[in-house]
Amino acid sequence: MDRGKILEEYRNVLVSDSAKARSLIRKLSYKEDPYLLQCIAQTFLDESRFDENGKQRKEVYWRKWRVAERYIIQAVELDPDCPMVLSTMGSVRRSAGQNDIAIYCYEKIIKLGVKGAMSGKCKLDRDMAKELVNDSKFELYRLYYEDDPVLSGKYLKMYMKGLEKGARTIYRPLKRFLLETN
């Protein structure tokens, strides 16, 4: 099986079986590949947040989280400008309440922009780059929500404008991910 086919199968099974998805990535030469290391980290992060039935855990399963952390740190060391790596690092850090590092990661993705996301070692296609940049704005909306509602609102408006311009999003249906306003 070639890399493209393995990655396609990885994406297809990731939602339903993270262990199988991880075993697919391990068939490839992943130890020096920041994108593949990020894929492995994502599987462990998912397992730290969700049980084997796909239900969200009440608390993070820290053993799995630490393994995700180890893989994502390796990925960042190889390519600190890869938006996929930065996004997963942001998620890993946010899960541990390390919001300052998560904010740094999402702000860096926005600063790299679509052009930056399409260059470097982790070249993304234009649609994926737009999605990651826009979804980073949504993450910042959520991260700033409690402490800086004005800034949070600005990020939400920026995110919504990105959707209007055709950016895809992982936050579907959006209503489920919006924070409540009092």
N, C-alpha and C. Protein backbone atom coordinates (compact mmCIF):
# COMPACT_ATOMS: atom_id res chain seq x y z
N MET A 1 0.84 -1.19 0.00
CA MET A 1 0.00 0.00 0.00
C MET A 1 0.89 1.25 0.00
N ASP A 2 0.51 2.24 -0.78
CA ASP A 2 1.31 3.45 -0.81
C ASP A 2 0.81 4.45 0.24
N ARG A 3 1.59 5.48 0.46
CA ARG A 3 1.28 6.48 1.49
C ARG A 3 -0.10 7.10 1.31
N GLY A 4 -0.44 7.47 0.09
CA GLY A 4 -1.73 8.10 -0.17
C GLY A 4 -2.90 7.21 0.22
N LYS A 5 -2.82 5.95 -0.13
CA LYS A 5 -3.90 5.02 0.20
C LYS A 5 -3.98 4.78 1.72
N ILE A 6 -2.83 4.68 2.35
CA ILE A 6 -2.83 4.48 3.81
C ILE A 6 -3.42 5.70 4.50
N LEU A 7 -3.03 6.91 4.07
CA LEU A 7 -3.57 8.11 4.69
C LEU A 7 -5.07 8.25 4.44
N GLU A 8 -5.53 7.86 3.28
CA GLU A 8 -6.97 7.90 3.01
C GLU A 8 -7.71 6.93 3.94
N GLU A 9 -7.17 5.73 4.09
CA GLU A 9 -7.80 4.77 4.99
C GLU A 9 -7.74 5.27 6.44
N TYR A 10 -6.61 5.88 6.81
CA TYR A 10 -6.47 6.47 8.15
C TYR A 10 -7.61 7.46 8.42
N ARG A 11 -7.83 8.37 7.47
CA ARG A 11 -8.89 9.37 7.65
C ARG A 11 -10.27 8.73 7.76
N ASN A 12 -10.47 7.65 7.02
CA ASN A 12 -11.76 6.97 7.05
C ASN A 12 -12.04 6.24 8.36
N VAL A 13 -11.01 5.72 9.00
CA VAL A 13 -11.24 4.94 10.24
C VAL A 13 -10.96 5.74 11.51
N LEU A 14 -10.36 6.90 11.39
CA LEU A 14 -9.97 7.67 12.57
C LEU A 14 -11.13 7.93 13.52
N VAL A 15 -12.27 8.28 12.99
CA VAL A 15 -13.42 8.62 13.83
C VAL A 15 -13.95 7.40 14.58
N SER A 16 -13.89 6.24 13.96
CA SER A 16 -14.50 5.06 14.57
C SER A 16 -13.52 4.15 15.28
N ASP A 17 -12.24 4.17 14.91
CA ASP A 17 -11.28 3.24 15.50
C ASP A 17 -9.88 3.84 15.49
N SER A 18 -9.56 4.58 16.54
CA SER A 18 -8.27 5.28 16.58
C SER A 18 -7.09 4.32 16.64
N ALA A 19 -7.26 3.17 17.29
CA ALA A 19 -6.16 2.19 17.36
C ALA A 19 -5.84 1.65 15.96
N LYS A 20 -6.86 1.36 15.18
CA LYS A 20 -6.64 0.89 13.81
C LYS A 20 -6.01 2.00 12.97
N ALA A 21 -6.48 3.22 13.15
CA ALA A 21 -5.91 4.37 12.42
C ALA A 21 -4.43 4.50 12.74
N ARG A 22 -4.09 4.37 14.00
CA ARG A 22 -2.68 4.47 14.43
C ARG A 22 -1.84 3.35 13.82
N SER A 23 -2.38 2.15 13.78
CA SER A 23 -1.62 1.02 13.21
C SER A 23 -1.36 1.25 11.72
N LEU A 24 -2.27 1.91 11.03
CA LEU A 24 -2.05 2.25 9.62
C LEU A 24 -0.87 3.20 9.47
N ILE A 25 -0.83 4.24 10.30
CA ILE A 25 0.27 5.21 10.23
C ILE A 25 1.60 4.55 10.54
N ARG A 26 1.58 3.61 11.46
CA ARG A 26 2.83 2.94 11.84
C ARG A 26 3.37 2.03 10.75
N LYS A 27 2.58 1.79 9.70
CA LYS A 27 3.08 1.04 8.54
C LYS A 27 4.00 1.90 7.69
N LEU A 28 3.92 3.20 7.90
CA LEU A 28 4.73 4.15 7.14
C LEU A 28 5.98 4.52 7.92
N SER A 29 6.87 5.21 7.28
CA SER A 29 8.09 5.68 7.92
C SER A 29 7.76 6.99 8.65
N TYR A 30 7.33 6.87 9.90
CA TYR A 30 6.75 8.02 10.62
C TYR A 30 7.72 8.74 11.56
N LYS A 31 8.82 8.15 11.92
CA LYS A 31 9.66 8.68 13.00
C LYS A 31 10.29 10.04 12.70
N GLU A 32 10.45 10.37 11.44
CA GLU A 32 11.03 11.66 11.06
C GLU A 32 10.03 12.50 10.25
N ASP A 33 8.77 12.15 10.33
CA ASP A 33 7.74 12.82 9.55
C ASP A 33 6.78 13.54 10.50
N PRO A 34 6.84 14.88 10.57
CA PRO A 34 6.01 15.60 11.54
C PRO A 34 4.52 15.38 11.34
N TYR A 35 4.08 15.27 10.10
CA TYR A 35 2.66 15.06 9.85
C TYR A 35 2.20 13.70 10.39
N LEU A 36 2.98 12.66 10.13
CA LEU A 36 2.61 11.33 10.60
C LEU A 36 2.68 11.24 12.12
N LEU A 37 3.67 11.88 12.72
CA LEU A 37 3.75 11.91 14.19
C LEU A 37 2.52 12.62 14.76
N GLN A 38 2.09 13.67 14.09
CA GLN A 38 0.89 14.38 14.50
C GLN A 38 -0.32 13.47 14.40
N CYS A 39 -0.39 12.66 13.36
CA CYS A 39 -1.51 11.72 13.21
C CYS A 39 -1.56 10.75 14.38
N ILE A 40 -0.41 10.23 14.75
CA ILE A 40 -0.35 9.30 15.89
C ILE A 40 -0.76 10.02 17.17
N ALA A 41 -0.24 11.22 17.37
CA ALA A 41 -0.60 12.00 18.56
C ALA A 41 -2.11 12.21 18.62
N GLN A 42 -2.72 12.51 17.48
CA GLN A 42 -4.16 12.74 17.43
C GLN A 42 -4.94 11.51 17.88
N THR A 43 -4.48 10.32 17.51
CA THR A 43 -5.19 9.11 17.92
C THR A 43 -5.15 8.94 19.44
N PHE A 44 -3.98 9.19 20.02
CA PHE A 44 -3.88 9.08 21.48
C PHE A 44 -4.69 10.18 22.18
N LEU A 45 -4.68 11.37 21.61
CA LEU A 45 -5.47 12.47 22.18
C LEU A 45 -6.96 12.11 22.16
N ASP A 46 -7.42 11.57 21.04
CA ASP A 46 -8.82 11.14 20.95
C ASP A 46 -9.14 10.10 22.02
N GLU A 47 -8.24 9.15 22.21
CA GLU A 47 -8.46 8.11 23.22
C GLU A 47 -8.41 8.68 24.64
N SER A 48 -7.68 9.76 24.82
CA SER A 48 -7.64 10.38 26.16
C SER A 48 -8.94 11.11 26.47
N ARG A 49 -9.64 11.53 25.44
CA ARG A 49 -10.89 12.29 25.61
C ARG A 49 -12.15 11.43 25.53
N PHE A 50 -12.09 10.34 24.75
CA PHE A 50 -13.28 9.53 24.50
C PHE A 50 -13.01 8.07 24.86
N ASP A 51 -14.02 7.39 25.40
CA ASP A 51 -13.86 5.98 25.72
C ASP A 51 -14.00 5.13 24.45
N GLU A 52 -13.87 3.81 24.61
CA GLU A 52 -13.91 2.92 23.45
C GLU A 52 -15.26 2.90 22.73
N ASN A 53 -16.31 3.42 23.37
CA ASN A 53 -17.63 3.51 22.75
C ASN A 53 -17.88 4.88 22.10
N GLY A 54 -16.86 5.75 22.14
CA GLY A 54 -16.99 7.06 21.53
C GLY A 54 -17.65 8.11 22.42
N LYS A 55 -17.89 7.76 23.66
CA LYS A 55 -18.50 8.71 24.60
C LYS A 55 -17.39 9.53 25.26
N GLN A 56 -17.67 10.83 25.42
CA GLN A 56 -16.68 11.70 26.03
C GLN A 56 -16.46 11.32 27.49
N ARG A 57 -15.19 11.25 27.86
CA ARG A 57 -14.84 10.94 29.25
C ARG A 57 -15.13 12.15 30.13
N LYS A 58 -15.43 11.90 31.38
CA LYS A 58 -15.64 13.00 32.33
C LYS A 58 -14.32 13.69 32.63
N GLU A 59 -13.25 12.92 32.64
CA GLU A 59 -11.91 13.46 32.86
C GLU A 59 -10.97 12.90 31.80
N VAL A 60 -9.94 13.65 31.50
CA VAL A 60 -8.94 13.19 30.54
C VAL A 60 -8.24 11.95 31.09
N TYR A 61 -8.04 10.97 30.23
CA TYR A 61 -7.28 9.77 30.57
C TYR A 61 -5.81 10.15 30.39
N TRP A 62 -5.16 10.48 31.49
CA TRP A 62 -3.85 11.11 31.43
C TRP A 62 -2.76 10.23 30.85
N ARG A 63 -2.83 8.93 31.01
CA ARG A 63 -1.81 8.06 30.43
C ARG A 63 -1.79 8.21 28.90
N LYS A 64 -2.96 8.19 28.29
CA LYS A 64 -3.06 8.37 26.83
C LYS A 64 -2.67 9.80 26.45
N TRP A 65 -3.05 10.76 27.26
CA TRP A 65 -2.70 12.16 26.98
C TRP A 65 -1.18 12.33 26.94
N ARG A 66 -0.48 11.72 27.90
CA ARG A 66 0.99 11.85 27.94
C ARG A 66 1.65 11.26 26.70
N VAL A 67 1.09 10.16 26.20
CA VAL A 67 1.63 9.57 24.97
C VAL A 67 1.38 10.53 23.79
N ALA A 68 0.19 11.10 23.73
CA ALA A 68 -0.11 12.10 22.69
C ALA A 68 0.87 13.26 22.80
N GLU A 69 1.12 13.71 24.01
CA GLU A 69 2.05 14.81 24.23
C GLU A 69 3.45 14.47 23.71
N ARG A 70 3.90 13.26 24.00
CA ARG A 70 5.24 12.85 23.57
C ARG A 70 5.36 12.89 22.03
N TYR A 71 4.35 12.36 21.34
CA TYR A 71 4.40 12.35 19.88
C TYR A 71 4.29 13.76 19.30
N ILE A 72 3.45 14.58 19.87
CA ILE A 72 3.28 15.92 19.28
C ILE A 72 4.51 16.79 19.54
N ILE A 73 5.19 16.57 20.65
CA ILE A 73 6.45 17.30 20.90
C ILE A 73 7.49 16.91 19.85
N GLN A 74 7.56 15.62 19.54
CA GLN A 74 8.49 15.18 18.48
C GLN A 74 8.15 15.85 17.16
N ALA A 75 6.87 15.94 16.86
CA ALA A 75 6.44 16.57 15.60
C ALA A 75 6.81 18.05 15.56
N VAL A 76 6.60 18.75 16.67
CA VAL A 76 6.92 20.18 16.74
C VAL A 76 8.43 20.39 16.60
N GLU A 77 9.21 19.51 17.18
CA GLU A 77 10.67 19.63 17.06
C GLU A 77 11.11 19.49 15.60
N LEU A 78 10.41 18.66 14.83
CA LEU A 78 10.75 18.47 13.42
C LEU A 78 10.24 19.60 12.54
N ASP A 79 9.07 20.14 12.86
CA ASP A 79 8.50 21.22 12.04
C ASP A 79 7.60 22.10 12.90
N PRO A 80 8.17 23.15 13.50
CA PRO A 80 7.39 24.03 14.37
C PRO A 80 6.44 24.97 13.62
N ASP A 81 6.42 24.90 12.29
CA ASP A 81 5.54 25.76 11.49
C ASP A 81 4.47 24.99 10.74
N CYS A 82 4.33 23.70 10.99
CA CYS A 82 3.31 22.91 10.31
C CYS A 82 1.96 23.16 11.00
N PRO A 83 0.99 23.72 10.28
CA PRO A 83 -0.30 24.03 10.90
C PRO A 83 -1.01 22.82 11.50
N MET A 84 -0.89 21.65 10.87
CA MET A 84 -1.52 20.45 11.42
C MET A 84 -0.89 20.10 12.77
N VAL A 85 0.42 20.21 12.84
CA VAL A 85 1.15 19.92 14.08
C VAL A 85 0.76 20.95 15.14
N LEU A 86 0.74 22.21 14.76
CA LEU A 86 0.38 23.27 15.71
C LEU A 86 -1.05 23.11 16.21
N SER A 87 -1.94 22.72 15.34
CA SER A 87 -3.34 22.54 15.74
C SER A 87 -3.48 21.41 16.76
N THR A 88 -2.80 20.30 16.49
CA THR A 88 -2.86 19.18 17.45
C THR A 88 -2.16 19.56 18.76
N MET A 89 -1.05 20.28 18.67
CA MET A 89 -0.38 20.74 19.90
C MET A 89 -1.33 21.64 20.68
N GLY A 90 -2.04 22.51 20.00
CA GLY A 90 -3.00 23.36 20.68
C GLY A 90 -4.07 22.55 21.39
N SER A 91 -4.55 21.52 20.74
CA SER A 91 -5.57 20.66 21.35
C SER A 91 -5.03 19.88 22.55
N VAL A 92 -3.81 19.39 22.40
CA VAL A 92 -3.17 18.66 23.51
C VAL A 92 -3.02 19.59 24.72
N ARG A 93 -2.52 20.78 24.48
CA ARG A 93 -2.30 21.72 25.58
C ARG A 93 -3.61 22.20 26.19
N ARG A 94 -4.59 22.43 25.36
CA ARG A 94 -5.90 22.87 25.87
C ARG A 94 -6.52 21.79 26.76
N SER A 95 -6.35 20.53 26.39
CA SER A 95 -6.89 19.43 27.19
C SER A 95 -6.29 19.40 28.59
N ALA A 96 -5.08 19.89 28.70
CA ALA A 96 -4.39 19.91 30.00
C ALA A 96 -4.55 21.25 30.71
N GLY A 97 -5.35 22.14 30.17
CA GLY A 97 -5.53 23.45 30.79
C GLY A 97 -4.37 24.40 30.57
N GLN A 98 -3.49 24.07 29.64
CA GLN A 98 -2.34 24.92 29.33
C GLN A 98 -2.73 25.87 28.20
N ASN A 99 -3.67 26.74 28.53
CA ASN A 99 -4.29 27.59 27.52
C ASN A 99 -3.34 28.58 26.88
N ASP A 100 -2.33 29.04 27.61
CA ASP A 100 -1.39 29.99 27.03
C ASP A 100 -0.63 29.38 25.85
N ILE A 101 -0.26 28.11 25.96
CA ILE A 101 0.43 27.44 24.86
C ILE A 101 -0.54 27.17 23.72
N ALA A 102 -1.77 26.78 24.07
CA ALA A 102 -2.79 26.55 23.04
C ALA A 102 -3.03 27.84 22.25
N ILE A 103 -3.17 28.95 22.95
CA ILE A 103 -3.38 30.24 22.29
C ILE A 103 -2.21 30.55 21.35
N TYR A 104 -0.99 30.34 21.82
CA TYR A 104 0.19 30.57 20.98
C TYR A 104 0.09 29.75 19.69
N CYS A 105 -0.27 28.48 19.81
CA CYS A 105 -0.35 27.60 18.63
C CYS A 105 -1.38 28.10 17.63
N TYR A 106 -2.58 28.44 18.11
CA TYR A 106 -3.63 28.89 17.19
C TYR A 106 -3.31 30.25 16.60
N GLU A 107 -2.71 31.15 17.39
CA GLU A 107 -2.31 32.44 16.84
C GLU A 107 -1.23 32.28 15.77
N LYS A 108 -0.33 31.31 15.98
CA LYS A 108 0.72 31.08 15.00
C LYS A 108 0.14 30.56 13.68
N ILE A 109 -0.86 29.69 13.76
CA ILE A 109 -1.51 29.19 12.54
C ILE A 109 -2.13 30.36 11.77
N ILE A 110 -2.79 31.25 12.49
CA ILE A 110 -3.41 32.41 11.85
C ILE A 110 -2.34 33.31 11.22
N LYS A 111 -1.24 33.50 11.94
CA LYS A 111 -0.15 34.33 11.44
C LYS A 111 0.49 33.71 10.18
N LEU A 112 0.63 32.39 10.17
CA LEU A 112 1.17 31.72 8.98
C LEU A 112 0.25 31.95 7.79
N GLY A 113 -1.04 31.96 8.05
CA GLY A 113 -2.02 32.19 7.00
C GLY A 113 -2.10 31.04 6.02
N VAL A 114 -2.93 31.21 5.04
CA VAL A 114 -3.15 30.16 4.04
C VAL A 114 -1.87 29.89 3.26
N LYS A 115 -1.18 30.94 2.82
CA LYS A 115 0.06 30.75 2.05
C LYS A 115 1.12 30.03 2.86
N GLY A 116 1.27 30.41 4.12
CA GLY A 116 2.24 29.75 4.98
C GLY A 116 1.90 28.30 5.23
N ALA A 117 0.61 28.01 5.33
CA ALA A 117 0.16 26.64 5.56
C ALA A 117 0.37 25.76 4.34
N MET A 118 0.48 26.39 3.19
CA MET A 118 0.65 25.63 1.95
C MET A 118 2.12 25.43 1.59
N SER A 119 3.04 25.97 2.41
CA SER A 119 4.46 25.82 2.13
C SER A 119 5.12 25.05 3.27
N GLY A 120 6.43 24.87 3.20
CA GLY A 120 7.15 24.16 4.25
C GLY A 120 7.04 22.65 4.09
N LYS A 121 7.41 21.94 5.15
CA LYS A 121 7.42 20.47 5.12
C LYS A 121 6.02 19.88 5.07
N CYS A 122 5.09 20.49 5.73
CA CYS A 122 3.71 19.96 5.82
C CYS A 122 2.80 20.69 4.86
N LYS A 123 3.10 20.63 3.60
CA LYS A 123 2.30 21.34 2.60
C LYS A 123 0.85 20.86 2.63
N LEU A 124 -0.05 21.80 2.77
CA LEU A 124 -1.48 21.50 2.77
C LEU A 124 -2.09 22.06 1.50
N ASP A 125 -3.18 21.44 1.06
CA ASP A 125 -3.87 22.04 -0.08
C ASP A 125 -4.61 23.29 0.42
N ARG A 126 -5.01 24.13 -0.53
CA ARG A 126 -5.62 25.42 -0.19
C ARG A 126 -6.84 25.26 0.72
N ASP A 127 -7.73 24.31 0.43
CA ASP A 127 -8.94 24.14 1.24
C ASP A 127 -8.62 23.76 2.67
N MET A 128 -7.68 22.83 2.86
CA MET A 128 -7.30 22.43 4.21
C MET A 128 -6.62 23.58 4.95
N ALA A 129 -5.80 24.33 4.25
CA ALA A 129 -5.13 25.48 4.86
C ALA A 129 -6.16 26.51 5.33
N LYS A 130 -7.13 26.81 4.47
CA LYS A 130 -8.18 27.77 4.86
C LYS A 130 -8.97 27.26 6.06
N GLU A 131 -9.26 25.97 6.07
CA GLU A 131 -10.01 25.38 7.17
C GLU A 131 -9.23 25.48 8.49
N LEU A 132 -7.95 25.14 8.46
CA LEU A 132 -7.15 25.20 9.69
C LEU A 132 -7.01 26.63 10.21
N VAL A 133 -6.79 27.57 9.31
CA VAL A 133 -6.67 28.97 9.73
C VAL A 133 -7.99 29.44 10.33
N ASN A 134 -9.09 29.14 9.67
CA ASN A 134 -10.39 29.59 10.16
C ASN A 134 -10.78 28.89 11.46
N ASP A 135 -10.55 27.58 11.54
CA ASP A 135 -10.88 26.85 12.77
C ASP A 135 -10.02 27.32 13.94
N SER A 136 -8.83 27.82 13.66
CA SER A 136 -7.99 28.38 14.73
C SER A 136 -8.65 29.62 15.33
N LYS A 137 -9.33 30.38 14.53
CA LYS A 137 -10.08 31.54 15.03
C LYS A 137 -11.20 31.09 15.95
N PHE A 138 -11.85 29.98 15.60
CA PHE A 138 -12.91 29.44 16.44
C PHE A 138 -12.33 28.95 17.77
N GLU A 139 -11.18 28.30 17.71
CA GLU A 139 -10.53 27.84 18.95
C GLU A 139 -10.20 29.03 19.85
N LEU A 140 -9.74 30.11 19.26
CA LEU A 140 -9.42 31.29 20.06
C LEU A 140 -10.68 31.93 20.64
N TYR A 141 -11.76 31.90 19.89
CA TYR A 141 -13.05 32.36 20.43
C TYR A 141 -13.37 31.59 21.71
N ARG A 142 -13.19 30.28 21.66
CA ARG A 142 -13.51 29.45 22.83
C ARG A 142 -12.51 29.68 23.97
N LEU A 143 -11.24 29.82 23.64
CA LEU A 143 -10.21 29.99 24.67
C LEU A 143 -10.34 31.34 25.40
N TYR A 144 -10.73 32.37 24.69
CA TYR A 144 -10.84 33.71 25.31
C TYR A 144 -12.23 33.97 25.90
N TYR A 145 -13.16 33.08 25.71
CA TYR A 145 -14.55 33.30 26.07
C TYR A 145 -14.75 33.76 27.51
N GLU A 146 -14.11 33.12 28.46
CA GLU A 146 -14.30 33.46 29.88
C GLU A 146 -13.55 34.73 30.29
N ASP A 147 -12.30 34.85 29.85
CA ASP A 147 -11.43 35.91 30.35
C ASP A 147 -11.47 37.20 29.55
N ASP A 148 -11.81 37.13 28.29
CA ASP A 148 -11.82 38.33 27.45
C ASP A 148 -12.96 38.22 26.42
N PRO A 149 -14.20 38.46 26.87
CA PRO A 149 -15.35 38.28 25.98
C PRO A 149 -15.30 39.15 24.73
N VAL A 150 -14.70 40.33 24.81
CA VAL A 150 -14.62 41.20 23.64
C VAL A 150 -13.72 40.57 22.57
N LEU A 151 -12.55 40.13 22.99
CA LEU A 151 -11.63 39.48 22.06
C LEU A 151 -12.24 38.18 21.53
N SER A 152 -12.90 37.44 22.40
CA SER A 152 -13.59 36.22 22.02
C SER A 152 -14.60 36.51 20.90
N GLY A 153 -15.37 37.54 21.08
CA GLY A 153 -16.37 37.93 20.08
C GLY A 153 -15.74 38.31 18.75
N LYS A 154 -14.59 38.98 18.81
CA LYS A 154 -13.89 39.35 17.57
C LYS A 154 -13.46 38.11 16.81
N TYR A 155 -12.93 37.11 17.53
CA TYR A 155 -12.51 35.88 16.87
C TYR A 155 -13.71 35.14 16.28
N LEU A 156 -14.83 35.15 16.98
CA LEU A 156 -16.03 34.49 16.45
C LEU A 156 -16.48 35.17 15.16
N LYS A 157 -16.46 36.51 15.14
CA LYS A 157 -16.85 37.24 13.92
C LYS A 157 -15.89 36.93 12.78
N MET A 158 -14.60 36.86 13.07
CA MET A 158 -13.62 36.52 12.04
C MET A 158 -13.87 35.11 11.50
N TYR A 159 -14.19 34.21 12.40
CA TYR A 159 -14.48 32.82 12.01
C TYR A 159 -15.72 32.76 11.11
N MET A 160 -16.77 33.45 11.52
CA MET A 160 -18.02 33.45 10.73
C MET A 160 -17.79 34.05 9.34
N LYS A 161 -16.97 35.09 9.28
CA LYS A 161 -16.65 35.69 7.99
C LYS A 161 -15.90 34.69 7.10
N GLY A 162 -15.03 33.89 7.70
CA GLY A 162 -14.33 32.85 6.95
C GLY A 162 -15.30 31.82 6.39
N LEU A 163 -16.29 31.46 7.18
CA LEU A 163 -17.31 30.52 6.69
C LEU A 163 -18.06 31.11 5.51
N GLU A 164 -18.40 32.40 5.62
CA GLU A 164 -19.11 33.08 4.53
C GLU A 164 -18.29 33.07 3.24
N LYS A 165 -16.96 33.10 3.40
CA LYS A 165 -16.07 33.10 2.23
C LYS A 165 -15.79 31.69 1.73
N GLY A 166 -16.42 30.69 2.34
CA GLY A 166 -16.30 29.33 1.83
C GLY A 166 -15.34 28.41 2.55
N ALA A 167 -14.77 28.85 3.66
CA ALA A 167 -13.88 27.96 4.41
C ALA A 167 -14.69 26.81 5.01
N ARG A 168 -14.16 25.62 4.94
CA ARG A 168 -14.78 24.47 5.58
C ARG A 168 -14.47 24.53 7.08
N THR A 169 -15.11 23.66 7.84
CA THR A 169 -14.88 23.65 9.28
C THR A 169 -15.10 22.25 9.84
N ILE A 170 -14.41 21.94 10.92
CA ILE A 170 -14.67 20.67 11.61
C ILE A 170 -15.82 20.83 12.60
N TYR A 171 -16.25 22.05 12.84
CA TYR A 171 -17.28 22.32 13.84
C TYR A 171 -18.66 22.26 13.19
N ARG A 172 -19.14 21.02 13.00
CA ARG A 172 -20.44 20.79 12.41
C ARG A 172 -21.24 19.87 13.32
N PRO A 173 -22.45 20.13 13.59
CA PRO A 173 -23.13 21.39 13.33
C PRO A 173 -22.62 22.48 14.28
N LEU A 174 -22.44 23.65 13.74
CA LEU A 174 -21.83 24.75 14.48
C LEU A 174 -22.54 25.04 15.79
N LYS A 175 -23.85 24.99 15.76
CA LYS A 175 -24.65 25.32 16.95
C LYS A 175 -24.21 24.49 18.17
N ARG A 176 -23.78 23.26 17.91
CA ARG A 176 -23.36 22.37 19.00
C ARG A 176 -22.07 22.85 19.68
N PHE A 177 -21.26 23.61 18.99
CA PHE A 177 -19.96 24.03 19.51
C PHE A 177 -19.93 25.46 20.04
N LEU A 178 -20.96 26.22 19.75
CA LEU A 178 -21.00 27.60 20.25
C LEU A 178 -21.21 27.61 21.75
N LEU A 179 -20.54 28.50 22.42
CA LEU A 179 -20.69 28.63 23.87
C LEU A 179 -21.93 29.44 24.17
N GLU A 180 -22.54 29.15 25.28
CA GLU A 180 -23.77 29.85 25.65
C GLU A 180 -23.49 31.30 26.05
N THR A 181 -24.37 32.17 25.65
CA THR A 181 -24.27 33.55 26.08
C THR A 181 -25.38 33.82 27.08
N ASN A 182 -25.03 34.54 28.12
CA ASN A 182 -26.03 34.84 29.17
C ASN A 182 -26.68 36.17 28.93
